[in-house]
């Protein structure tokens, strides 16, 4: 289920992501919040999907992090910062982080 956020909350998420990535777009869809970013340093595209399932925030990330430790640290840091912000805004304490189809860690 999609996360319903205000324009101010979407702006804050964009600000959080922009600290590390060039934001190409943040688009609420029917199923999730889609974030499209680009790392200028690593020259890689990063996609995030954020949604709620069974009172749990799911943050799904797609990026080429297999051979790039710096990018891996960056995408996880962004996910953690977005989670902390949404936890304060929505009260959701549980989260699952999925990186390239593999559940990596809870936040």
Protein backbone atom coordinates (compact mmCIF):
# COMPACT_ATOMS: atom_id res chain seq x y z
CA UNK A 1 0.00 0.00 0.00
CA UNK A 2 1.27 3.43 -0.89
CA UNK A 3 2.42 5.84 1.80
CA UNK A 4 0.20 8.92 1.84
CA UNK A 5 2.39 11.96 2.37
CA UNK A 6 1.81 15.70 2.20
CA UNK A 7 3.68 17.98 -0.19
CA UNK A 8 5.81 19.17 2.76
CA UNK A 9 6.73 15.59 3.68
CA UNK A 10 7.60 14.78 0.05
CA UNK A 11 9.76 17.91 0.00
CA UNK A 12 11.59 16.79 3.13
CA UNK A 13 12.23 13.34 1.66
CA UNK A 14 13.59 15.01 -1.48
CA UNK A 15 15.88 17.15 0.70
CA UNK A 16 17.16 14.04 2.52
CA UNK A 17 17.88 12.22 -0.74
CA UNK A 18 19.46 15.32 -2.35
CA UNK A 19 22.17 15.35 0.30
CA UNK A 20 23.74 12.37 -1.47
CA UNK A 21 22.09 12.04 -4.90
CA UNK A 22 20.81 14.12 -7.77
CA UNK A 23 17.04 13.58 -7.61
CA UNK A 24 15.57 12.94 -11.05
CA UNK A 25 12.07 12.43 -9.69
CA UNK A 26 9.83 11.59 -6.75
CA UNK A 27 6.52 10.21 -7.91
CA UNK A 28 3.70 8.78 -5.82
CA UNK A 29 2.16 5.87 -7.75
CA UNK A 30 -0.89 3.78 -6.85
CA UNK A 31 1.31 1.19 -5.15
CA UNK A 32 4.37 2.98 -3.76
CA UNK A 33 6.41 6.15 -3.57
CA UNK A 34 8.98 6.02 -6.39
CA UNK A 35 12.27 7.88 -5.98
CA UNK A 36 14.68 8.08 -8.93
CA UNK A 37 18.15 9.33 -8.09
CA UNK A 38 21.58 9.50 -9.67
CA UNK A 39 24.95 9.38 -7.97
CA UNK A 40 27.29 11.79 -9.72
CA UNK A 41 30.30 10.41 -7.87
CA UNK A 42 29.69 6.74 -8.74
CA UNK A 43 27.84 7.54 -11.99
CA UNK A 44 25.01 5.14 -11.17
CA UNK A 45 21.22 5.32 -11.15
CA UNK A 46 19.38 4.42 -7.94
CA UNK A 47 15.69 3.62 -7.56
CA UNK A 48 13.76 3.44 -4.30
CA UNK A 49 10.23 2.13 -3.79
CA UNK A 50 8.62 2.94 -0.42
CA UNK A 51 5.36 1.35 0.68
CA UNK A 52 3.52 -0.02 3.72
CA UNK A 53 2.60 -3.66 4.20
CA UNK A 54 1.16 -5.09 7.45
CA UNK A 55 2.10 -1.96 9.44
CA UNK A 56 5.70 -2.28 8.22
CA UNK A 57 7.54 0.27 6.10
CA UNK A 58 9.20 -1.46 3.15
CA UNK A 59 12.11 0.35 1.48
CA UNK A 60 13.15 -1.38 -1.71
CA UNK A 61 16.29 -0.19 -3.47
CA UNK A 62 17.65 -1.04 -6.89
CA UNK A 63 21.23 -0.01 -7.66
CA UNK A 64 24.43 -1.52 -9.02
CA UNK A 65 26.16 -1.92 -5.67
CA UNK A 66 27.75 -5.32 -6.22
CA UNK A 67 31.23 -3.99 -6.93
CA UNK A 68 30.91 -0.56 -5.38
CA UNK A 69 31.18 -0.33 -1.58
CA UNK A 70 30.90 3.46 -1.63
CA UNK A 71 27.57 3.34 -3.45
CA UNK A 72 26.31 0.59 -1.14
CA UNK A 73 27.06 2.72 1.90
CA UNK A 74 25.40 5.73 0.28
CA UNK A 75 22.14 3.97 -0.64
CA UNK A 76 21.84 2.39 2.82
CA UNK A 77 22.54 5.70 4.53
CA UNK A 78 19.82 7.40 2.48
CA UNK A 79 17.37 4.59 3.26
CA UNK A 80 18.15 4.87 6.99
CA UNK A 81 17.67 8.65 6.98
CA UNK A 82 14.37 8.38 5.06
CA UNK A 83 13.20 5.69 7.48
CA UNK A 84 14.05 7.82 10.52
CA UNK A 85 12.13 10.75 9.05
CA UNK A 86 9.09 8.62 8.16
CA UNK A 87 9.18 6.92 11.55
CA UNK A 88 8.78 10.32 13.19
CA UNK A 89 6.05 11.36 10.72
CA UNK A 90 3.98 8.16 10.60
CA UNK A 91 4.78 6.32 13.83
CA UNK A 92 5.81 3.16 11.93
CA UNK A 93 8.52 1.49 13.99
CA UNK A 94 9.05 -1.60 11.85
CA UNK A 95 10.84 -1.55 8.56
CA UNK A 96 12.29 -3.93 6.03
CA UNK A 97 15.10 -2.86 3.70
CA UNK A 98 15.42 -4.78 0.45
CA UNK A 99 18.43 -4.12 -1.74
CA UNK A 100 18.31 -5.58 -5.26
CA UNK A 101 15.77 -8.19 -4.18
CA UNK A 102 17.60 -9.29 -1.02
CA UNK A 103 16.46 -8.29 2.45
CA UNK A 104 19.61 -6.70 3.88
CA UNK A 105 18.73 -5.48 7.34
CA UNK A 106 15.97 -3.99 9.46
CA UNK A 107 16.43 -0.43 10.53
